[in-house]
N, C-alpha and C. Protein backbone atom coordinates (compact mmCIF):
# COMPACT_ATOMS: atom_id res chain seq x y z
N UNK A 1 50.05 104.74 -68.94
CA UNK A 1 50.92 105.05 -68.67
C UNK A 1 49.90 106.50 -67.46
N UNK A 2 49.37 106.95 -67.89
CA UNK A 2 48.51 108.01 -67.55
C UNK A 2 47.61 108.15 -66.20
N UNK A 3 47.13 106.27 -66.35
CA UNK A 3 46.19 105.31 -66.10
C UNK A 3 46.76 104.91 -65.15
N UNK A 4 48.10 104.59 -64.87
CA UNK A 4 48.84 104.29 -63.87
C UNK A 4 49.32 105.26 -62.54
N UNK A 5 49.72 106.09 -63.50
CA UNK A 5 49.42 107.68 -62.21
C UNK A 5 47.63 108.64 -61.15
N UNK A 6 47.24 108.25 -62.06
CA UNK A 6 45.48 108.29 -61.51
C UNK A 6 44.86 107.36 -60.59
N UNK A 7 45.66 105.55 -60.88
CA UNK A 7 45.40 104.39 -60.02
C UNK A 7 46.23 105.28 -58.20
N UNK A 8 47.19 105.96 -58.73
CA UNK A 8 48.36 105.80 -58.16
C UNK A 8 47.19 107.35 -57.18
N UNK A 9 47.28 108.35 -57.46
CA UNK A 9 46.23 109.44 -56.88
C UNK A 9 45.55 109.06 -56.76
N UNK A 10 44.33 108.26 -56.77
CA UNK A 10 43.74 107.65 -56.66
C UNK A 10 43.56 106.67 -54.79
N UNK A 11 44.75 106.27 -54.97
CA UNK A 11 44.93 105.02 -53.78
C UNK A 11 45.72 106.48 -52.82
N UNK A 12 46.45 107.01 -52.67
CA UNK A 12 46.76 108.40 -52.45
C UNK A 12 46.05 109.33 -51.46
N UNK A 13 45.24 109.23 -51.83
CA UNK A 13 44.01 109.77 -51.50
C UNK A 13 43.35 109.22 -50.69
N UNK A 14 42.75 107.91 -51.14
CA UNK A 14 42.12 107.50 -49.93
C UNK A 14 43.13 106.59 -48.93
N UNK A 15 44.46 106.21 -49.09
CA UNK A 15 45.01 106.81 -48.13
C UNK A 15 44.87 107.81 -46.95
N UNK A 16 45.46 108.91 -47.21
CA UNK A 16 45.21 110.08 -46.85
C UNK A 16 43.26 109.80 -45.90
N UNK A 17 42.53 109.66 -46.60
CA UNK A 17 41.23 110.10 -46.18
C UNK A 17 41.15 109.02 -44.77
N UNK A 18 42.05 108.02 -45.10
CA UNK A 18 41.67 106.34 -44.18
C UNK A 18 42.57 107.04 -43.16
N UNK A 19 43.44 107.98 -43.40
CA UNK A 19 44.04 108.51 -42.31
C UNK A 19 43.21 109.43 -41.05
N UNK A 20 43.36 110.39 -41.74
CA UNK A 20 41.45 111.60 -41.20
C UNK A 20 40.96 110.63 -40.60
N UNK A 21 40.39 109.47 -40.95
CA UNK A 21 39.08 109.08 -40.22
C UNK A 21 39.88 108.12 -39.25
N UNK A 22 40.65 107.34 -39.16
CA UNK A 22 42.01 106.87 -37.67
C UNK A 22 42.28 107.98 -36.65
N UNK A 23 42.23 108.80 -37.05
CA UNK A 23 42.23 109.88 -36.02
C UNK A 23 41.40 110.49 -35.70
N UNK A 24 40.01 110.58 -35.98
CA UNK A 24 39.01 110.36 -35.26
C UNK A 24 38.47 109.69 -34.24
N UNK A 25 38.24 110.29 -32.72
CA UNK A 25 37.82 109.45 -32.03
C UNK A 25 36.51 109.20 -31.72
N UNK A 26 35.52 109.93 -32.10
CA UNK A 26 34.46 109.16 -31.74
C UNK A 26 33.37 109.26 -33.38
N UNK A 27 33.29 108.21 -32.99
CA UNK A 27 32.05 107.77 -34.16
C UNK A 27 30.59 107.77 -33.95
N UNK A 28 29.66 108.83 -33.91
CA UNK A 28 28.24 108.49 -33.69
C UNK A 28 27.59 107.72 -34.59
N UNK A 29 26.45 106.98 -34.05
CA UNK A 29 25.18 106.83 -35.71
C UNK A 29 23.99 106.95 -35.36
N UNK A 30 23.45 107.33 -36.23
CA UNK A 30 22.17 107.89 -36.29
C UNK A 30 21.16 106.80 -35.13
N UNK A 31 19.98 107.13 -34.62
CA UNK A 31 19.28 105.73 -33.84
C UNK A 31 18.99 105.14 -35.13
N UNK A 32 18.55 104.21 -34.76
CA UNK A 32 18.49 102.77 -36.40
C UNK A 32 18.66 103.14 -37.37
N UNK A 33 20.35 103.46 -37.23
CA UNK A 33 21.06 103.53 -38.15
C UNK A 33 22.14 102.68 -39.34
N UNK A 34 21.74 101.71 -38.54
CA UNK A 34 22.44 100.26 -38.94
C UNK A 34 20.88 99.51 -39.80
N UNK A 35 22.02 99.26 -40.94
CA UNK A 35 20.92 98.36 -41.81
C UNK A 35 21.70 96.95 -42.28
N UNK A 36 20.79 96.41 -41.81
CA UNK A 36 21.33 94.47 -42.01
C UNK A 36 20.86 94.12 -43.52
N UNK A 37 20.85 94.34 -44.68
CA UNK A 37 20.58 94.02 -45.48
C UNK A 37 22.02 94.72 -45.93
N UNK A 38 22.37 94.24 -47.45
CA UNK A 38 23.54 94.77 -47.94
C UNK A 38 22.97 95.87 -48.83
N UNK A 39 24.00 97.13 -48.43
CA UNK A 39 23.60 97.95 -49.18
C UNK A 39 24.99 98.75 -49.98
N UNK A 40 24.49 99.26 -51.63
CA UNK A 40 25.42 100.39 -52.43
C UNK A 40 24.63 101.20 -52.67
N UNK A 41 26.32 102.58 -53.05
CA UNK A 41 25.71 103.80 -53.25
C UNK A 41 24.58 104.75 -52.69
N UNK A 42 25.12 104.65 -50.76
CA UNK A 42 24.01 105.58 -50.25
C UNK A 42 24.03 106.97 -50.46
N UNK A 43 23.17 107.52 -50.80
CA UNK A 43 22.26 108.55 -51.03
C UNK A 43 21.62 108.84 -50.27
N UNK A 44 21.66 110.54 -48.89
CA UNK A 44 20.79 111.04 -48.68
C UNK A 44 20.13 112.72 -48.50
N UNK A 45 18.70 112.73 -48.37
CA UNK A 45 18.61 114.09 -48.79
C UNK A 45 18.98 115.08 -48.23
N UNK A 46 18.97 115.85 -48.71
CA UNK A 46 19.86 117.25 -48.43
C UNK A 46 19.20 117.09 -46.52
N UNK A 47 18.50 117.66 -46.20
CA UNK A 47 17.74 117.36 -44.60
C UNK A 47 18.32 116.38 -43.48
N UNK A 48 18.65 115.23 -44.43
CA UNK A 48 18.96 114.10 -43.73
C UNK A 48 17.91 112.96 -43.22
N UNK A 49 16.52 113.47 -43.37
CA UNK A 49 15.80 112.34 -42.95
C UNK A 49 15.70 111.10 -44.08
N UNK A 50 15.78 111.00 -45.18
CA UNK A 50 15.89 109.99 -46.50
C UNK A 50 17.18 109.55 -46.96
N UNK A 51 17.39 108.15 -46.95
CA UNK A 51 17.99 107.92 -47.34
C UNK A 51 17.51 106.91 -48.68
N UNK A 52 18.41 106.91 -49.53
CA UNK A 52 18.24 106.00 -50.66
C UNK A 52 19.41 105.34 -51.19
N UNK A 53 19.22 103.98 -51.12
CA UNK A 53 20.02 102.65 -51.27
C UNK A 53 19.80 101.59 -52.21
N UNK A 54 20.93 101.28 -52.69
CA UNK A 54 21.04 100.18 -53.88
C UNK A 54 20.27 98.53 -53.04
N UNK A 55 19.72 97.86 -53.12
CA UNK A 55 20.37 97.08 -52.61
C UNK A 55 19.13 95.69 -53.61
N UNK A 56 19.90 94.84 -53.35
CA UNK A 56 19.42 93.11 -54.37
C UNK A 56 18.20 92.80 -53.72
N UNK A 57 17.09 92.98 -54.63
CA UNK A 57 15.92 92.50 -54.06
C UNK A 57 15.81 91.17 -55.65
N UNK A 58 15.14 90.08 -55.36
CA UNK A 58 14.85 88.98 -56.43
C UNK A 58 16.45 88.99 -57.47
N UNK A 59 17.08 89.20 -57.15
CA UNK A 59 18.87 88.70 -57.81
C UNK A 59 18.81 90.42 -58.82
N UNK A 60 18.61 91.37 -58.57
CA UNK A 60 18.61 92.90 -59.48
C UNK A 60 18.83 93.44 -58.29
N UNK A 61 19.51 94.61 -58.63
CA UNK A 61 20.06 95.89 -58.45
C UNK A 61 18.67 96.86 -58.11
N UNK A 62 18.17 97.08 -57.05
CA UNK A 62 17.11 97.52 -57.36
C UNK A 62 17.50 99.44 -55.87
N UNK A 63 16.96 100.42 -56.72
CA UNK A 63 16.58 101.44 -55.77
C UNK A 63 15.75 101.00 -54.37
N UNK A 64 16.00 100.98 -52.77
CA UNK A 64 15.81 101.77 -52.01
C UNK A 64 15.40 102.76 -51.17
N UNK A 65 13.73 103.13 -50.79
CA UNK A 65 14.02 104.73 -49.87
C UNK A 65 13.75 104.46 -48.66
N UNK A 66 14.41 105.28 -47.68
CA UNK A 66 14.22 104.43 -46.25
C UNK A 66 14.13 106.03 -45.65
N UNK A 67 13.19 106.22 -44.90
CA UNK A 67 12.79 107.20 -43.69
C UNK A 67 13.64 106.96 -42.69
N UNK A 68 14.27 107.54 -42.26
CA UNK A 68 15.48 107.33 -41.34
C UNK A 68 14.77 107.60 -40.06
N UNK A 69 13.66 108.36 -39.23
CA UNK A 69 13.12 108.58 -38.29
C UNK A 69 12.45 107.23 -37.82
N UNK A 70 11.50 106.54 -39.17
CA UNK A 70 11.00 105.92 -38.60
C UNK A 70 11.37 104.38 -39.03
N UNK A 71 12.07 104.43 -40.29
CA UNK A 71 12.78 103.08 -40.06
C UNK A 71 12.05 102.59 -41.22
N UNK A 72 11.59 103.15 -42.17
CA UNK A 72 10.05 102.50 -42.69
C UNK A 72 10.82 102.86 -44.48
N UNK A 73 10.66 101.18 -44.93
CA UNK A 73 10.55 101.62 -46.74
C UNK A 73 9.41 102.11 -47.41
N UNK A 74 9.67 103.15 -47.76
CA UNK A 74 8.85 104.08 -48.51
C UNK A 74 8.57 103.76 -49.49
N UNK A 75 7.16 103.53 -50.56
CA UNK A 75 7.13 102.85 -51.71
C UNK A 75 7.82 103.93 -53.10
N UNK A 76 8.04 103.25 -53.51
CA UNK A 76 8.70 103.73 -55.63
C UNK A 76 7.54 103.70 -56.44
N UNK A 77 6.36 104.52 -56.58
CA UNK A 77 5.65 104.16 -57.72
C UNK A 77 6.30 103.38 -58.45
N UNK A 78 7.56 104.11 -59.26
CA UNK A 78 8.21 103.85 -60.97
C UNK A 78 9.20 102.77 -61.23
N UNK A 79 9.77 102.86 -59.77
CA UNK A 79 10.62 102.65 -59.73
C UNK A 79 10.50 100.61 -59.31
N UNK A 80 9.58 100.01 -59.23
CA UNK A 80 9.90 98.72 -58.65
C UNK A 80 9.56 97.97 -59.92
N UNK A 81 9.85 98.16 -61.15
CA UNK A 81 10.66 97.43 -61.92
C UNK A 81 11.27 97.66 -62.78
N UNK A 82 11.96 97.05 -64.13
CA UNK A 82 12.98 97.66 -65.16
C UNK A 82 14.64 98.10 -64.31
N UNK A 83 14.46 97.18 -63.91
CA UNK A 83 16.49 96.76 -63.04
C UNK A 83 16.96 96.72 -64.28
N UNK A 84 18.12 96.44 -63.78
CA UNK A 84 18.99 97.30 -62.33
C UNK A 84 18.90 98.59 -62.20
N UNK A 85 18.71 99.18 -61.11
CA UNK A 85 18.91 100.28 -60.86
C UNK A 85 20.49 100.98 -60.62
N UNK A 86 20.77 102.43 -60.67
CA UNK A 86 22.05 102.29 -60.08
C UNK A 86 22.28 103.94 -60.14
N UNK A 87 22.63 104.21 -59.03
CA UNK A 87 23.01 105.89 -58.60
C UNK A 87 22.61 107.34 -58.28
N UNK A 88 21.77 106.70 -57.31
CA UNK A 88 20.66 107.02 -57.16
C UNK A 88 20.79 108.67 -56.55
N UNK A 89 19.46 109.24 -56.75
CA UNK A 89 20.04 111.08 -55.49
C UNK A 89 18.98 111.16 -55.08
N UNK A 90 19.08 112.35 -54.30
CA UNK A 90 17.72 112.75 -53.66
C UNK A 90 17.40 114.69 -53.50
N UNK A 91 16.87 115.02 -54.00
CA UNK A 91 16.98 115.92 -53.77
C UNK A 91 16.69 116.76 -52.67
N UNK A 92 16.74 118.04 -52.02
CA UNK A 92 17.13 118.37 -50.97
C UNK A 92 15.97 117.80 -49.68
N UNK A 93 14.81 117.93 -50.22
CA UNK A 93 13.59 117.52 -48.84
C UNK A 93 13.74 115.82 -49.30
N UNK A 94 13.56 115.46 -50.64
CA UNK A 94 13.27 114.15 -50.89
C UNK A 94 12.59 113.66 -51.83
N UNK A 95 12.13 115.03 -52.17
CA UNK A 95 10.38 115.00 -53.36
C UNK A 95 11.08 114.12 -54.60
N UNK A 96 11.99 114.91 -55.03
CA UNK A 96 12.69 114.04 -55.89
C UNK A 96 13.67 113.07 -56.32
N UNK A 97 13.54 111.95 -56.28
CA UNK A 97 15.11 110.47 -56.62
C UNK A 97 15.05 110.47 -58.13
N UNK A 98 16.39 110.59 -58.80
CA UNK A 98 17.07 109.87 -59.80
C UNK A 98 17.04 109.17 -59.25
N UNK A 99 17.83 108.51 -60.87
CA UNK A 99 18.41 107.50 -60.47
C UNK A 99 18.66 106.39 -62.20
N UNK A 100 19.50 105.81 -62.56
CA UNK A 100 19.43 105.53 -63.52
C UNK A 100 18.84 103.62 -63.48
N UNK A 101 18.04 103.54 -64.73
CA UNK A 101 17.88 102.45 -64.75
C UNK A 101 17.60 101.57 -66.67
N UNK A 102 16.97 100.26 -65.80
CA UNK A 102 17.32 99.94 -67.35
C UNK A 102 15.56 100.08 -67.99
N UNK A 103 15.68 100.45 -69.64
CA UNK A 103 14.82 99.67 -70.13
C UNK A 103 14.76 99.05 -71.28
N UNK A 104 14.34 97.91 -71.20
CA UNK A 104 14.74 97.12 -72.66
C UNK A 104 16.09 97.18 -73.02
N UNK A 105 17.35 97.72 -73.56
CA UNK A 105 18.34 97.62 -74.09
C UNK A 105 18.91 98.78 -73.75
N UNK A 106 18.07 99.64 -73.18
CA UNK A 106 18.64 101.13 -73.13
C UNK A 106 18.58 101.04 -71.50
N UNK A 107 20.17 102.31 -71.25
CA UNK A 107 19.74 102.94 -69.89
C UNK A 107 18.55 103.93 -69.72
N UNK A 108 18.01 104.79 -69.06
CA UNK A 108 18.22 106.16 -69.00
C UNK A 108 17.80 106.28 -67.87
N UNK A 109 18.41 107.91 -68.14
CA UNK A 109 17.89 108.68 -66.36
C UNK A 109 16.18 108.82 -66.39
N UNK A 110 16.13 108.80 -64.82
CA UNK A 110 14.55 108.80 -64.73
C UNK A 110 14.44 109.38 -62.90
N UNK A 111 13.55 110.05 -63.26
CA UNK A 111 13.35 111.58 -62.21
C UNK A 111 12.14 111.24 -61.56
N UNK A 112 11.51 110.43 -60.65
CA UNK A 112 10.68 109.94 -59.98
C UNK A 112 10.14 111.54 -59.29
N UNK A 113 9.05 112.17 -59.08
CA UNK A 113 8.25 113.07 -58.24
C UNK A 113 7.97 112.33 -57.04
N UNK A 114 7.89 112.19 -55.52
CA UNK A 114 7.28 111.67 -55.11
C UNK A 114 6.28 112.43 -53.96
N UNK A 115 5.55 113.60 -54.51
CA UNK A 115 4.93 114.47 -53.77
C UNK A 115 3.67 114.44 -55.41
N UNK A 116 3.76 114.35 -56.63
CA UNK A 116 2.79 114.04 -57.15
C UNK A 116 2.22 112.55 -58.04
N UNK A 117 3.48 111.52 -58.11
CA UNK A 117 3.40 110.51 -58.09
C UNK A 117 4.70 110.23 -60.17
N UNK A 118 4.03 111.43 -60.14
CA UNK A 118 4.73 111.15 -61.59
C UNK A 118 6.21 110.97 -62.09
N UNK A 119 6.82 110.26 -63.41
CA UNK A 119 7.98 109.47 -63.33
C UNK A 119 8.17 111.08 -64.50
N UNK A 120 9.73 111.33 -64.42
CA UNK A 120 9.90 112.06 -65.79
C UNK A 120 11.34 111.62 -66.30
N UNK A 121 11.05 110.60 -67.85
CA UNK A 121 12.41 110.20 -67.81
C UNK A 121 13.20 111.16 -68.37
N UNK A 122 14.76 111.31 -68.32
CA UNK A 122 15.21 112.01 -68.89
C UNK A 122 15.81 111.33 -70.57
N UNK A 123 15.51 111.34 -71.67
CA UNK A 123 15.92 111.46 -72.93
C UNK A 123 16.94 111.99 -73.68
N UNK A 124 17.85 110.80 -73.64
CA UNK A 124 18.91 111.54 -73.83
C UNK A 124 19.42 111.37 -75.61
N UNK A 125 19.37 112.07 -76.90
CA UNK A 125 20.04 111.69 -78.38
C UNK A 125 20.66 111.05 -78.76
N UNK A 126 20.83 110.58 -79.94
CA UNK A 126 21.65 109.78 -80.21
C UNK A 126 21.99 108.07 -79.35
N UNK A 127 23.47 108.23 -79.21
CA UNK A 127 23.97 106.71 -78.45
C UNK A 127 24.28 107.16 -76.79
N UNK A 128 23.85 108.43 -76.71
CA UNK A 128 24.31 108.74 -75.68
C UNK A 128 24.14 108.15 -74.72
N UNK A 129 25.02 106.88 -73.38
CA UNK A 129 24.32 106.28 -72.33
C UNK A 129 24.57 106.96 -70.72
N UNK A 130 24.13 107.21 -70.06
CA UNK A 130 24.05 107.73 -68.38
C UNK A 130 24.54 106.49 -68.23
N UNK A 131 26.47 106.88 -67.19
CA UNK A 131 26.53 106.32 -66.22
C UNK A 131 26.73 106.81 -64.74
N UNK A 132 26.68 107.64 -64.56
CA UNK A 132 26.40 108.09 -62.97
C UNK A 132 25.33 109.45 -63.48
N UNK A 133 24.81 109.89 -62.24
CA UNK A 133 24.32 110.97 -62.39
C UNK A 133 24.40 111.88 -60.90
N UNK A 134 23.99 112.71 -60.48
CA UNK A 134 23.44 113.57 -59.59
C UNK A 134 22.78 115.06 -59.66
N UNK A 135 21.82 115.14 -58.81
CA UNK A 135 20.73 116.02 -58.84
C UNK A 135 21.04 117.03 -57.83
N UNK A 136 20.76 118.30 -58.65
CA UNK A 136 21.27 119.37 -57.28
C UNK A 136 19.94 119.36 -56.11
N UNK A 137 20.48 119.93 -55.16
CA UNK A 137 19.62 119.77 -54.01
C UNK A 137 17.93 120.83 -54.17
N UNK A 138 17.40 121.28 -55.51
CA UNK A 138 17.09 122.07 -55.36
C UNK A 138 16.59 121.86 -56.75
N UNK A 139 16.46 120.15 -57.14
CA UNK A 139 16.09 119.71 -58.53
C UNK A 139 16.16 120.85 -59.84
N UNK A 140 16.90 121.81 -59.36
CA UNK A 140 17.07 122.80 -61.03
C UNK A 140 18.07 121.61 -61.75
N UNK A 141 18.87 121.27 -61.23
CA UNK A 141 20.19 120.78 -62.46
C UNK A 141 20.29 118.99 -62.37
N UNK A 142 20.35 118.92 -63.28
CA UNK A 142 20.79 117.69 -63.45
C UNK A 142 22.67 117.20 -64.16
N UNK A 143 23.07 116.70 -63.44
CA UNK A 143 24.68 116.57 -63.85
C UNK A 143 24.59 114.76 -64.30
N UNK A 144 24.91 114.90 -65.41
CA UNK A 144 25.18 113.57 -66.31
C UNK A 144 26.57 112.85 -66.26
N UNK A 145 27.04 112.33 -65.65
CA UNK A 145 28.51 111.20 -66.67
C UNK A 145 27.62 110.58 -67.79
N UNK A 146 28.22 111.00 -68.93
CA UNK A 146 27.26 109.18 -69.90
C UNK A 146 28.86 109.83 -71.11
N UNK A 147 28.17 107.92 -71.98
CA UNK A 147 29.19 107.13 -72.17
C UNK A 147 28.90 107.52 -73.72
N UNK A 148 29.51 108.30 -74.81
CA UNK A 148 29.23 108.52 -75.97
C UNK A 148 30.88 107.80 -77.10
N UNK A 149 30.11 106.64 -77.35
CA UNK A 149 31.51 106.06 -77.80
C UNK A 149 32.65 105.57 -77.47
N UNK A 150 32.16 105.12 -76.67
CA UNK A 150 33.28 104.90 -75.65
C UNK A 150 34.13 105.42 -75.03
N UNK A 151 33.55 107.13 -75.05
CA UNK A 151 34.17 108.11 -74.00
C UNK A 151 33.38 108.31 -73.12
N UNK A 152 33.61 109.19 -71.80
CA UNK A 152 32.68 109.66 -70.58
C UNK A 152 32.55 111.04 -71.09
N UNK A 153 32.27 111.68 -71.05
CA UNK A 153 31.52 113.05 -70.92
C UNK A 153 30.66 113.57 -69.73
N UNK A 154 30.51 114.30 -68.87
CA UNK A 154 29.74 114.92 -68.35
C UNK A 154 29.16 116.01 -68.89
N UNK A 155 27.57 116.31 -68.94
CA UNK A 155 26.51 116.86 -69.14
C UNK A 155 25.24 117.86 -67.93
N UNK A 156 25.57 118.75 -68.54
CA UNK A 156 24.27 119.40 -67.25
C UNK A 156 23.39 119.95 -68.45
N UNK A 157 21.89 119.62 -67.05
CA UNK A 157 20.83 119.15 -67.78
C UNK A 157 20.15 120.48 -66.99
N UNK A 158 19.22 121.38 -67.39
CA UNK A 158 18.57 122.71 -66.76
C UNK A 158 17.17 121.71 -66.90
N UNK A 159 16.73 121.47 -65.37
CA UNK A 159 14.75 120.93 -64.88
C UNK A 159 14.12 122.07 -64.70
N UNK A 160 14.93 123.26 -64.91
CA UNK A 160 13.73 124.17 -64.93
C UNK A 160 12.37 124.26 -65.32
N UNK A 161 12.79 123.69 -67.04
CA UNK A 161 11.30 123.61 -67.40
C UNK A 161 10.89 122.37 -66.63
N UNK A 162 11.08 121.18 -66.01
CA UNK A 162 10.30 120.37 -66.17
C UNK A 162 9.54 120.09 -64.28
N UNK A 163 10.37 120.25 -63.47
CA UNK A 163 10.69 119.85 -61.83
C UNK A 163 9.93 121.58 -61.54
N UNK A 164 9.37 121.27 -60.84
CA UNK A 164 9.04 122.67 -58.95
C UNK A 164 10.76 122.86 -58.85
N UNK A 165 11.37 123.52 -57.87
CA UNK A 165 12.10 123.12 -57.09
C UNK A 165 11.78 123.06 -55.32
N UNK A 166 12.57 122.54 -54.92
CA UNK A 166 12.64 121.90 -54.10
C UNK A 166 13.45 121.86 -53.07
N UNK A 167 12.80 123.09 -51.63
CA UNK A 167 13.26 124.58 -51.36
C UNK A 167 14.00 124.00 -50.39
N UNK A 168 14.82 124.18 -49.59
CA UNK A 168 14.85 124.15 -47.98
C UNK A 168 14.79 124.29 -47.57
N UNK A 169 13.69 123.95 -45.63
CA UNK A 169 13.07 124.71 -45.50
C UNK A 169 13.49 126.44 -44.69
N UNK A 170 12.47 127.70 -45.08
CA UNK A 170 12.88 128.61 -44.75
C UNK A 170 13.47 129.40 -45.82
N UNK A 171 14.07 128.69 -46.90
CA UNK A 171 13.95 129.68 -48.34
C UNK A 171 12.57 129.86 -48.70
N UNK A 172 14.04 131.21 -49.17
CA UNK A 172 12.05 131.95 -50.57
C UNK A 172 12.08 131.94 -51.74
N UNK A 173 11.01 131.44 -52.07
CA UNK A 173 10.75 131.63 -53.58
C UNK A 173 11.23 132.57 -54.21
N UNK A 174 11.34 132.54 -55.12
CA UNK A 174 12.31 134.19 -55.65
C UNK A 174 11.38 133.61 -57.32
N UNK A 175 10.27 133.58 -57.50
CA UNK A 175 10.14 133.33 -58.37
C UNK A 175 9.07 134.48 -59.01
N UNK A 176 8.46 135.18 -60.45
CA UNK A 176 8.00 136.07 -61.13
C UNK A 176 6.63 136.52 -60.11
N UNK A 177 6.03 135.54 -59.09
CA UNK A 177 5.19 136.25 -58.38
C UNK A 177 5.51 136.71 -57.14
N UNK A 178 6.40 136.71 -56.43
CA UNK A 178 6.91 136.70 -55.22
C UNK A 178 8.11 137.28 -55.43
N UNK A 179 8.72 138.74 -55.80
CA UNK A 179 10.57 139.13 -55.87
C UNK A 179 10.80 139.16 -55.07
N UNK A 180 12.23 138.90 -54.29
CA UNK A 180 12.56 138.62 -52.65
C UNK A 180 13.48 139.79 -52.82
N UNK A 181 13.65 140.72 -51.75
CA UNK A 181 14.00 141.93 -51.36
C UNK A 181 15.64 142.43 -51.71
């Protein structure tokens, strides 16, 4: 019974959002913002320059990263195999791309550092499987929805020991060498 009410609530929210969208008088497209191939699970970098989507390549869901200014597809060193991919998310400047990928029989969260070219697999203990993820804009925290024995849980993972922060333009570094006023 609770599931039925949850679905009804989701439908009501969708209908309300659809109504608000219908009231909007004008939609402006980004130049070059139309993408021909079917795309799913769009994620924009915080600065709006990069778009990560899941598209089908050779019959498998694969993450694709596009520079919206030039329209160019950007290379992803560590995501060219181990499909399917899902749940892409980007840090503020797009330095980090986090995604769920398949390695053998296991799904795992993987963060690609596009600046250094390094991959950072996030290994979960036990039988936890990632379902969805979201990377904070500064890449300090990863929110993971995981499945544990058929139930979903949310876990927050501190990435401060693994990744350098990806700060927005104009944001000051407040580390031990340069205290903020």
